[in-house]
């Protein structure tokens, strides 16, 4: 006979004195022998959220291991045992098992307390939940223990904490099992009924204790939130035809207990009786029977839940998902009628959301709802166009108005109500209304009188004439509407009953007024409908869904994405004085200004053809890349400037290299002399930008050209006269340093944004054309006339271009207000202040008094992205420009004179690719294919990455054709990349374009100093290592360095550049 269990009244020792090691020992003792059964109550005391999680977990694992094997043998309850009459089992064992059952129940209760406690950690709650669900699985003699599961759910629902983590775990891990879902539905039905009774009892109590009533209401709402979370996260049952094998958590079937069949309707009771009468064993139920039982419990749970006083946010969430997640799975969807009609009667957003499910019941399940259209008519308010679920509402409204049996007065009332709303709603709402009215007019010919009948005050003949116009278009009778005599609109917009609104006696004059709507998509839609409804048989209904989700942002986005084939350009002789060319509103006008002398054509557009009578009203097409008047295009003279400038640089490199080689100058000294130019060039970049900003680009360009042209005469014949060479090259560098900032200042003032890429590319391509011409012509000139002839020719060419610039160039015309036309070269893009304008009109030069934001410029990441890419571009360019002749002669053992025109191909390729990049960039931006930012990044990335590959591969090719090909690809794609970084400063800082260009070009000049000088030292070291420069290893570092810089610069530009203006 087993020993009786210890007295449960005796309290165990103080558990706080036990360490984690002691608990492990107690657990091992309990599992090892029955003599240590007294350890069980002690371990149970540690199943509490007040103890450390490690202690709770250790006790839990020991108790779980103890109870799991003996649980099937324990009695179903812990009530007092009765004596065994047959004496098959000793009374002590019965008492012992009954005591163990009570301890197991106490263990389960403690686990539930830990699971719902806010003090317990999430990790511990997850272990507790898994343990509880294991007991649910086998706690009833090896079968599903619904009592434990019920206790667990009761504590969750009644808890004052949110318990989101526990609910998420329960839903994610266990709601996939069909028996868990089944008993969850049963418990939800019980909870909902209890809460409904509680709510009724609370409502009947007196209002004396307001604090207690408030707490009770909050507790009720929290319970409803939890029930809603549980029931909405249970996945719907799969179709038994698709899934015939449902997964069970308990491993066996579930049966219908007595009392569970009491449903909310007689229909459910009948189905329960049918289930009871089936003679199938519960363990071998078919998939179809499982589905039927689940559908019944699903229906009872949802119907009971929807009877509760739901909070408004739960109300909205339920309604938004009801037609998809609930109605298709109900055994009888008509049972939702009370809930939906109650929701529809509330009004506002709740009514809109209830409309979807109610419409499904009416169309698919035969529900008859009185006064449905009257309530639908009452929902047509301006606020509905701002509701969150407006898209779904308008789609359902269009579906509700589809019936051909709709009375004429009702269709007319809806059409008139919507047209009146079109006057006060946003443009997106007006588009929806036009689409709805279009469909109404097409579906219901009986309401054609709204667009065809004349005013009732007109004659009978007019009425009959209007009635005969059935084949007229919707708005073509627009002449009737527009010409209708002023009278009274019989429509009563305040009437809630469509029958009494007198809509059939009115007209859709509101839609006709939308022809002149300020939003182009609205006016275009009205005009398209006028043509669309001319012949009704050839038209189709408009899909309301295409317009129901619109907003200001989407309409604006569609408008700017519209493809415009060509931007019309016109030049005004004077600023227009009225906003609209034929405006009758005297107040809508610009600031009056004095009109320029001379005749204007209609609308103030200058008659560029010289038509004296000014009768031509068409906008004259003018060249978008040329200036008007006597001045030349501001692109071509700078193009010639840069042609001469780079011709000088290439010419000096060729002439000095030949003379230095003849005099025996070493490579390091040659690199020093060649890089001296860039010291002066770097020092004058930022001052050049400031001078162009202050005094104007025209004067600064002229002075810089005169200075470097004169300095060319000082270059000595003897390459050994180092001091004089250094001074001359420094002066030339200082003079040429002013040129680039000045040119970009001029272009920023003259060139409109949509033409900047091609204009800058065309202007700067003069550099590459000059380099190509220099490589082609100058070697032969040196051969026949000597190196000094090159310097004299450059000086004469520079002075010639200075004369042309002085003769034809002028400061850009400016005005205080931008003109009301597309910007072109005939006007300035940057407005001036009144004082500056007066000075300009008096023949002076505008002086910028605004402070230059130096700090913002030097801390701006987009500007640093330009600087890094400019450095890389000029490093590669100057290395190739200065050392490519040496590479051809000493690296490949070729003669420049004998190479012919092939040696000019790299620079001629730059000329071509530079202009291609500009044209492509402007095309992508003007046609709105890509944004400015993406266009700049695309061209910069393609150009620099391809150039890096060509540079790295250049020393591999040992033939003339291969070297020319690689250098042509490298320089050509570098020039293509200029459409990205070299124009970007005009995007982000057009007012300070010269300053930013000066800063950027200073970095590029430093690249020339570093690159040219470093290359000389690399080749000097290679000469010592390899005895000569004919081996490819001597030149590998020379070309790999710029190749790696190109890759690095590409990623910098991708990360930090932008095409948006950041400096005003």
Foldseek 3Di string as FASTA:
>chain_A
DDDADDDPVDDDDDLVVDDLVNLLVLLVVVVPDVVSVVSLNSLLVLLALVDDLSSNVSSVVSVLVNCVVCLLVADPALPDDDDDPVPPDDPRVNNVSSVVRVSVVSSLVSLLNLLLDPSHDLVSNLVSVVSLLVCQLQNHNLFGNLVSVLVSVVCCLQDPDLSPSNLVSCLVPPLQALVVLLSLLLSLLVVLVVLVVVVVVLVPDDCPCVVVSVVVVSSSQSSLVSSLSNLVSRAQDDDCVVPWDGHHSNLFFDDDDPPSQDAPDVVSNVVVVVLVPDPDDRRDDTSVSSLSSSLSSNQRSVLSSLVHPHDPVSLLVCLQCCQPGPQVSHPQNCSCVVSLVVQLVVDDPSVLSSLVVVVCCVPPVVDDDPCPLLSVLVNLDQVLLVDPCSLVSLQSVLVVLQDLPDDPLSLLLVLQLLLVSLVPHDPLSVVLSVLSNLSSCLSHVVLLCQLQAAAPVDDPVSRVVSVPPSLAFSCVSVVRLVPHDDDDAQADNPDSDSVPRCSSNGHSSSLVVQCPPPQVVSVVSSVVSNVQRNGSVPHDRDNSSVRRPDDPVNSVVVVVLDFDPDAAFFDAQDFFFAPDLPDPDPVGGDDDDDGDDADAARPRTRPPVPDRVNPDPDGDHDDQQFADDQFGRLLPLLLLVLLLLLLLLLLCLLQLVVLCVVVVPALLVSLVLSLLLLVLLLVQLQVLLVCCLFANLLVLQLVLLLFLLVLLLQQDQHSVPRVSSSVSSSSNSNSCSNSVLSSLLQCLFQHAPLQLQLSVLSSNLSSLVSLLVSLAPNVVCCVPPNSSVSSNVSSVSSVVSSVVSVPRPDHAQAAQDDHPGGGGRNYTPDHDDPVQNVCVVVPHHRGDPDDDPVVCLVPALQLVLLLLLLLLLLLVVLLCSNCVCVCQCFQLVHDSVVVHSLSSLLSVLLSVLLNVLSVVLSVCPSRVVDHNLVSLLVLLLQLLLQLLVLLLCQLVDNDSVSNSVSSNSNSNSSSSNCSRSVSQLCQAPSSSSSNSSSSSVSSSSVSSSCNSSVLSVLLVVVCVVVVGNHHSVSCNVSRNVSSVSSVVSSVSSVVRHGRHHDHD
